[in-house]
Protein backbone atom coordinates (compact mmCIF):
# COMPACT_ATOMS: atom_id res chain seq x y z
CA UNK A 1 0.00 0.00 0.00
CA UNK A 2 1.11 3.56 -0.68
CA UNK A 3 1.23 6.14 2.14
CA UNK A 4 -1.94 7.68 0.70
CA UNK A 5 -3.78 4.37 0.71
CA UNK A 6 -2.69 3.68 4.29
CA UNK A 7 -3.97 7.10 5.35
CA UNK A 8 -7.28 6.61 3.55
CA UNK A 9 -7.65 3.33 5.44
CA UNK A 10 -6.78 5.16 8.66
CA UNK A 11 -9.58 7.66 7.96
CA UNK A 12 -12.07 4.79 7.80
CA UNK A 13 -11.01 3.72 11.27
CA UNK A 14 -10.75 7.17 12.88
CA UNK A 15 -13.36 9.52 11.42
CA UNK A 16 -17.04 9.57 12.33
CA UNK A 17 -19.66 8.26 9.92
CA UNK A 18 -20.79 11.80 8.97
CA UNK A 19 -17.27 12.80 7.89
CA UNK A 20 -16.25 13.18 4.25
CA UNK A 21 -13.70 10.48 3.49
CA UNK A 22 -10.89 11.39 1.13
CA UNK A 23 -11.37 8.25 -0.95
CA UNK A 24 -15.04 9.15 -1.46
CA UNK A 25 -14.50 12.58 -2.98
CA UNK A 26 -16.76 13.47 -5.90
CA UNK A 27 -13.53 14.29 -7.67
CA UNK A 28 -12.32 17.02 -10.01
CA UNK A 29 -13.50 18.33 -13.35
CA UNK A 30 -10.14 17.22 -14.73
CA UNK A 31 -9.20 13.97 -12.97
CA UNK A 32 -5.61 13.59 -11.83
CA UNK A 33 -3.47 10.51 -11.42
CA UNK A 34 -3.64 9.70 -7.68
CA UNK A 35 -0.65 10.83 -5.64
CA UNK A 36 1.23 8.10 -3.79
CA UNK A 37 1.75 10.31 -0.74
CA UNK A 38 -1.17 12.70 -0.36
CA UNK A 39 -4.94 12.34 -0.31
CA UNK A 40 -7.00 14.43 -2.72
CA UNK A 41 -7.85 16.98 -0.02
CA UNK A 42 -4.21 17.26 1.03
CA UNK A 43 -3.34 18.01 -2.58
CA UNK A 44 -6.00 20.73 -2.67
CA UNK A 45 -4.58 22.36 0.44
CA UNK A 46 -1.14 22.38 -1.17
CA UNK A 47 -2.48 23.75 -4.46
CA UNK A 48 -4.07 26.64 -2.58
CA UNK A 49 -1.18 27.66 -0.35
CA UNK A 50 1.22 27.64 -3.31
CA UNK A 51 -0.97 29.80 -5.57
CA UNK A 52 -0.50 33.51 -6.27
CA UNK A 53 -3.90 34.54 -4.92
CA UNK A 54 -3.10 33.03 -1.53
CA UNK A 55 0.19 34.91 -1.27
CA UNK A 56 -1.47 38.20 -2.14
CA UNK A 57 -3.71 37.87 0.92
CA UNK A 58 -0.81 39.11 3.06
CA UNK A 59 -1.27 42.59 1.59
CA UNK A 60 -5.07 42.73 1.68
CA UNK A 61 -6.99 44.60 4.36
CA UNK A 62 -9.00 42.80 7.01
CA UNK A 63 -10.72 45.70 8.86
CA UNK A 64 -8.29 48.60 9.12
CA UNK A 65 -7.18 50.02 5.78
CA UNK A 66 -3.38 50.06 5.49
CA UNK A 67 -2.82 50.12 9.26
CA UNK A 68 0.47 51.31 10.71
CA UNK A 69 1.91 48.54 12.86
CA UNK A 70 3.11 44.98 12.47
CA UNK A 71 0.42 43.25 14.52
CA UNK A 72 -2.83 44.17 12.81
CA UNK A 73 -4.53 41.35 10.93
CA UNK A 74 -4.42 41.03 7.19
CA UNK A 75 -6.54 38.73 5.08
CA UNK A 76 -3.73 36.15 5.25
CA UNK A 77 -3.39 36.12 9.05
CA UNK A 78 -7.19 35.92 9.27
CA UNK A 79 -7.08 32.87 6.99
CA UNK A 80 -4.47 31.21 9.18
CA UNK A 81 -6.53 31.86 12.32
CA UNK A 82 -9.63 30.42 10.64
CA UNK A 83 -7.60 27.35 9.69
CA UNK A 84 -6.40 26.84 13.26
CA UNK A 85 -9.89 27.08 14.74
CA UNK A 86 -11.42 24.93 12.02
CA UNK A 87 -8.84 22.17 12.46
CA UNK A 88 -9.44 22.12 16.21
CA UNK A 89 -13.18 21.65 15.74
CA UNK A 90 -12.78 19.08 12.97
CA UNK A 91 -10.33 16.99 14.95
CA UNK A 92 -12.49 17.02 18.07
CA UNK A 93 -15.59 15.99 16.10
CA UNK A 94 -13.63 13.36 14.13
CA UNK A 95 -14.29 15.07 10.82
CA UNK A 96 -11.84 15.22 7.92
CA UNK A 97 -9.21 17.69 9.05
CA UNK A 98 -7.50 17.84 5.65
CA UNK A 99 -10.70 18.82 3.85
CA UNK A 100 -11.44 21.37 6.56
CA UNK A 101 -7.97 22.89 6.24
CA UNK A 102 -8.17 23.07 2.45
CA UNK A 103 -11.50 24.95 2.58
CA UNK A 104 -10.16 27.26 5.29
CA UNK A 105 -7.04 28.12 3.32
CA UNK A 106 -9.12 28.87 0.22
CA UNK A 107 -12.19 30.52 1.68
CA UNK A 108 -11.06 34.13 1.09
CA UNK A 109 -9.17 33.78 -2.21
CA UNK A 110 -11.77 35.99 -3.89
CA UNK A 111 -11.51 38.94 -1.52
CA UNK A 112 -10.83 42.39 -2.91
CA UNK A 113 -8.26 44.97 -1.84
CA UNK A 114 -9.47 47.16 1.04
CA UNK A 115 -11.65 44.50 2.60
CA UNK A 116 -15.42 44.67 2.44
CA UNK A 117 -15.20 48.30 1.32
CA UNK A 118 -13.61 47.08 -1.89
CA UNK A 119 -16.19 44.33 -2.21
CA UNK A 120 -19.05 46.84 -1.90
CA UNK A 121 -17.40 49.09 -4.50
CA UNK A 122 -17.10 46.31 -7.08
CA UNK A 123 -20.60 45.06 -6.29
CA UNK A 124 -21.95 48.47 -7.29
CA UNK A 125 -19.80 48.67 -10.41
CA UNK A 126 -20.02 45.21 -11.96
CA UNK A 127 -23.24 44.60 -13.94
CA UNK A 128 -23.62 41.12 -12.45
CA UNK A 129 -22.66 42.22 -8.94
CA UNK A 130 -19.68 41.05 -6.94
CA UNK A 131 -19.52 38.72 -3.94
CA UNK A 132 -16.17 37.56 -2.62
CA UNK A 133 -17.27 33.96 -2.05
CA UNK A 134 -18.43 33.64 -5.67
CA UNK A 135 -15.21 35.29 -6.81
CA UNK A 136 -13.27 32.75 -4.73
CA UNK A 137 -14.85 29.99 -6.80
CA UNK A 138 -13.96 31.90 -9.97
CA UNK A 139 -10.36 32.35 -8.82
CA UNK A 140 -10.06 28.61 -8.19
CA UNK A 141 -11.76 27.48 -11.40
CA UNK A 142 -10.93 30.16 -13.99
CA UNK A 143 -8.27 32.68 -12.99
CA UNK A 144 -5.48 30.97 -11.08
CA UNK A 145 -2.61 29.13 -12.75
CA UNK A 146 -2.60 31.58 -15.66
CA UNK A 147 -6.19 30.86 -16.58
CA UNK A 148 -6.10 27.09 -16.12
CA UNK A 149 -7.52 27.12 -12.59
CA UNK A 150 -6.46 25.04 -9.63
CA UNK A 151 -8.64 22.01 -10.47
CA UNK A 152 -9.83 21.52 -6.89
CA UNK A 153 -12.17 18.80 -5.72
CA UNK A 154 -15.91 19.37 -5.60
CA UNK A 155 -15.98 19.39 -1.79
CA UNK A 156 -13.36 22.14 -1.46
CA UNK A 157 -15.01 24.30 -4.11
CA UNK A 158 -18.36 23.84 -2.40
CA UNK A 159 -16.89 24.91 0.96
CA UNK A 160 -15.33 28.04 -0.55
CA UNK A 161 -18.57 29.05 -2.25
CA UNK A 162 -20.79 28.46 0.78
CA UNK A 163 -18.61 29.72 3.64
CA UNK A 164 -20.53 32.98 4.10
CA UNK A 165 -24.27 32.43 4.03
CA UNK A 166 -25.12 28.94 2.79
CA UNK A 167 -24.97 25.43 4.22
CA UNK A 168 -22.10 23.49 2.68
CA UNK A 169 -22.65 19.96 1.42
CA UNK A 170 -20.10 18.66 3.94
CA UNK A 171 -19.85 19.19 7.68
CA UNK A 172 -16.22 20.11 7.09
CA UNK A 173 -17.31 23.02 4.92
CA UNK A 174 -19.71 24.18 7.61
CA UNK A 175 -16.96 23.97 10.22
CA UNK A 176 -15.07 26.61 8.23
CA UNK A 177 -18.13 28.87 8.18
CA UNK A 178 -18.30 28.70 11.99
CA UNK A 179 -14.53 29.11 12.36
CA UNK A 180 -14.67 32.19 10.13
CA UNK A 181 -17.19 34.01 12.33
CA UNK A 182 -15.41 32.94 15.53
CA UNK A 183 -12.07 34.15 14.22
CA UNK A 184 -13.04 37.48 12.76
CA UNK A 185 -15.18 38.75 15.64
CA UNK A 186 -12.41 38.07 18.12
CA UNK A 187 -9.42 39.31 16.14
CA UNK A 188 -11.41 42.41 15.14
CA UNK A 189 -11.94 43.10 18.84
CA UNK A 190 -8.22 42.61 19.42
CA UNK A 191 -7.26 44.95 16.57
CA UNK A 192 -9.84 47.52 17.66
CA UNK A 193 -8.45 47.58 21.17
CA UNK A 194 -4.92 47.90 19.77
CA UNK A 195 -6.10 50.79 17.58
CA UNK A 196 -7.77 52.63 20.46
CA UNK A 197 -11.26 52.25 18.98
CA UNK A 198 -12.71 50.35 21.94
CA UNK A 199 -11.56 49.01 25.30
CA UNK A 200 -12.12 45.51 26.63
CA UNK A 201 -14.33 46.95 29.38
CA UNK A 202 -16.59 48.55 26.75
CA UNK A 203 -17.96 45.13 25.78
CA UNK A 204 -21.28 44.64 27.61
CA UNK A 205 -20.80 42.61 30.78
CA UNK A 206 -23.67 40.21 29.99
CA UNK A 207 -21.63 39.09 26.97
CA UNK A 208 -18.24 38.83 28.65
CA UNK A 209 -19.66 37.01 31.66
CA UNK A 210 -20.81 34.23 29.34
CA UNK A 211 -18.16 34.26 26.62
CA UNK A 212 -15.07 35.48 28.48
CA UNK A 213 -13.06 38.59 29.26
CA UNK A 214 -10.28 38.12 26.70
CA UNK A 215 -9.79 37.07 23.07
CA UNK A 216 -8.40 33.71 24.13
CA UNK A 217 -11.21 33.05 26.60
CA UNK A 218 -13.92 33.95 24.07
CA UNK A 219 -12.44 31.74 21.36
CA UNK A 220 -12.15 28.87 23.84
CA UNK A 221 -15.78 29.31 24.89
CA UNK A 222 -17.13 29.49 21.35
CA UNK A 223 -15.03 26.60 20.03
CA UNK A 224 -15.80 24.51 23.10
CA UNK A 225 -19.52 25.17 22.75
CA UNK A 226 -19.52 23.88 19.15
CA UNK A 227 -17.51 20.80 20.08
CA UNK A 228 -19.54 20.02 23.20
CA UNK A 229 -22.83 20.28 21.33
CA UNK A 230 -21.43 17.89 18.76
CA UNK A 231 -23.14 16.70 15.61
CA UNK A 232 -26.93 16.85 15.73
CA UNK A 233 -29.74 16.42 13.24
CA UNK A 234 -31.62 19.42 11.85
CA UNK A 235 -34.19 19.25 9.06
CA UNK A 236 -33.19 15.68 8.35
CA UNK A 237 -29.46 16.32 7.91
CA UNK A 238 -26.42 16.27 10.23
CA UNK A 239 -25.45 19.72 11.49
CA UNK A 240 -23.11 21.45 13.91
CA UNK A 241 -23.46 24.80 15.66
CA UNK A 242 -23.48 26.78 18.88
CA UNK A 243 -26.05 26.16 21.65
CA UNK A 244 -28.81 28.81 21.74
CA UNK A 245 -27.45 30.74 24.74
CA UNK A 246 -23.94 30.98 23.26
CA UNK A 247 -25.32 31.88 19.83
CA UNK A 248 -27.41 34.65 21.40
CA UNK A 249 -24.34 36.06 23.18
CA UNK A 250 -22.34 35.90 19.96
CA UNK A 251 -25.10 37.76 18.09
CA UNK A 252 -25.11 40.49 20.74
CA UNK A 253 -21.32 40.72 20.49
CA UNK A 254 -21.54 41.09 16.72
CA UNK A 255 -24.17 43.85 17.15
CA UNK A 256 -21.84 45.64 19.57
CA UNK A 257 -18.95 45.41 17.10
CA UNK A 258 -21.12 46.58 14.21
CA UNK A 259 -22.18 49.68 16.12
CA UNK A 260 -18.85 50.40 17.82
CA UNK A 261 -16.28 49.39 15.19
CA UNK A 262 -17.57 48.38 11.76
CA UNK A 263 -19.51 51.66 11.42
CA UNK A 264 -17.06 53.77 13.42
CA UNK A 265 -15.71 56.76 11.43
CA UNK A 266 -12.30 56.36 13.11
CA UNK A 267 -11.57 53.08 11.35
CA UNK A 268 -13.71 53.68 8.27
CA UNK A 269 -12.58 57.22 7.45
CA UNK A 270 -10.55 56.09 4.41
CA UNK A 271 -13.16 53.76 2.93
CA UNK A 272 -14.69 56.38 0.64
CA UNK A 273 -11.26 57.18 -0.77
CA UNK A 274 -10.56 53.49 -1.38
CA UNK A 275 -13.92 52.97 -3.08
CA UNK A 276 -13.46 56.05 -5.26
CA UNK A 277 -10.02 54.79 -6.24
CA UNK A 278 -11.37 51.38 -7.29
CA UNK A 279 -14.15 53.09 -9.24
CA UNK A 280 -11.58 55.14 -11.16
CA UNK A 281 -9.53 52.01 -11.88
CA UNK A 282 -12.64 50.16 -13.04
CA UNK A 283 -13.61 52.96 -15.40
CA UNK A 284 -10.08 53.26 -16.76
CA UNK A 285 -9.58 49.58 -17.50
CA UNK A 286 -13.06 49.20 -19.00
CA UNK A 287 -12.04 51.93 -21.44
CA UNK A 288 -8.50 50.57 -21.85
CA UNK A 289 -8.65 46.77 -21.64
CA UNK A 290 -5.39 46.56 -23.61
CA UNK A 291 -3.61 47.99 -20.56
CA UNK A 292 -4.44 44.93 -18.46
CA UNK A 293 -2.13 41.90 -18.31
CA UNK A 294 -2.64 39.30 -21.04
CA UNK A 295 -4.56 36.91 -18.76
CA UNK A 296 -7.30 39.47 -18.15
CA UNK A 297 -7.42 40.53 -21.79
CA UNK A 298 -8.10 36.89 -22.62
CA UNK A 299 -10.77 36.67 -19.92
CA UNK A 300 -12.41 39.78 -21.38
CA UNK A 301 -12.83 37.97 -24.70
CA UNK A 302 -14.62 35.06 -23.02
CA UNK A 303 -16.53 36.72 -20.18
CA UNK A 304 -16.86 40.38 -21.17
CA UNK A 305 -14.70 43.32 -20.26
CA UNK A 306 -16.64 44.27 -17.11
CA UNK A 307 -16.16 40.86 -15.51
CA UNK A 308 -12.50 40.70 -16.55
CA UNK A 309 -11.85 44.17 -15.08
CA UNK A 310 -13.46 43.01 -11.82
CA UNK A 311 -11.24 39.93 -11.92
CA UNK A 312 -8.16 42.12 -12.33
CA UNK A 313 -9.04 44.68 -9.66
CA UNK A 314 -10.30 42.16 -7.11
CA UNK A 315 -7.02 40.27 -7.36
CA UNK A 316 -4.95 43.34 -6.54
CA UNK A 317 -3.37 43.82 -3.13
CA UNK A 318 -4.02 47.13 -1.38
CA UNK A 319 -0.51 48.29 -2.19
CA UNK A 320 -0.68 47.31 -5.86
CA UNK A 321 -4.02 49.09 -6.32
CA UNK A 322 -2.55 52.27 -4.85
CA UNK A 323 0.56 51.96 -7.02
CA UNK A 324 -1.48 51.47 -10.21
CA UNK A 325 -3.76 54.38 -9.31
CA UNK A 326 -0.73 56.58 -8.64
CA UNK A 327 0.86 55.59 -11.94
CA UNK A 328 -2.33 56.33 -13.90
CA UNK A 329 -3.74 59.40 -12.18
CA UNK A 330 -1.08 61.14 -10.06
CA UNK A 331 1.39 63.39 -11.94
CA UNK A 332 4.98 62.22 -11.66
CA UNK A 333 7.74 64.54 -10.53
CA UNK A 334 9.24 66.38 -13.48
CA UNK A 335 12.97 65.92 -13.83
CA UNK A 336 15.57 67.52 -16.07
CA UNK A 337 17.32 64.79 -18.00
């Protein structure tokens, strides 16, 4: 037996019956020769972390636009935190940890520069709208690998597409959805405290008494609540989630953050500038598609220029978007040669 076959056999012995077994994947659109060493979901994880879109996440905004300081989250560090939480839950529930990790690593591949501000800007501009989870699927299937896509398995693609507001076809995909909300609410609190937007003691006491008085304590409570509740049946299908009292406290915490941080002018003061900048770039490249890299010119021929321009802009890092805008619209210093 190969190492992969031994591990697939090990999954049969270790994982629960509701788990998605690597050997039972629905497969890829373009089947690959099986790897001797890695399962199909392990290969997907590796495909994702070695792709260009994953690396660009390190220069994409999470909440604070271009923050000064080394310790604020970026889209990449958020992804890593989601992966850590998701693996913990999957392992405890005896679900497929490799599938969970692959979905977690890929769940935000479609995010724009400047966080959700950039997403809202492109959603207004693109005729078909723009949603980062749908763009993540497009990155994986159409854009990455110089237009050839990553050729991921059905289960990983499904988890990427449904990580925001749908129920994934696998419990592993739904684990990532829960890990995403647990991660972002807590690291956004941490970054907001670091940025002087809120203080720990500003969080309502009825929330902290139940969830905890620190980032670590709250994550432990939320993760533990999901694990302790375990896998249950809902509407005739297996499901996981938080108990009602914990879910209610989380919802109140999210409401507090929405009112105190996500709508706070102190951390959103630059959003209008960022959105105006993306709008100018969109208009320019729609009028000048020949100025885009060859990949996006080719995509324009197949999918229309508006979608290809959205593909190009959404893939930019914050820094690259600013640099391109500066090159196109800001006069350069005049020098005597």
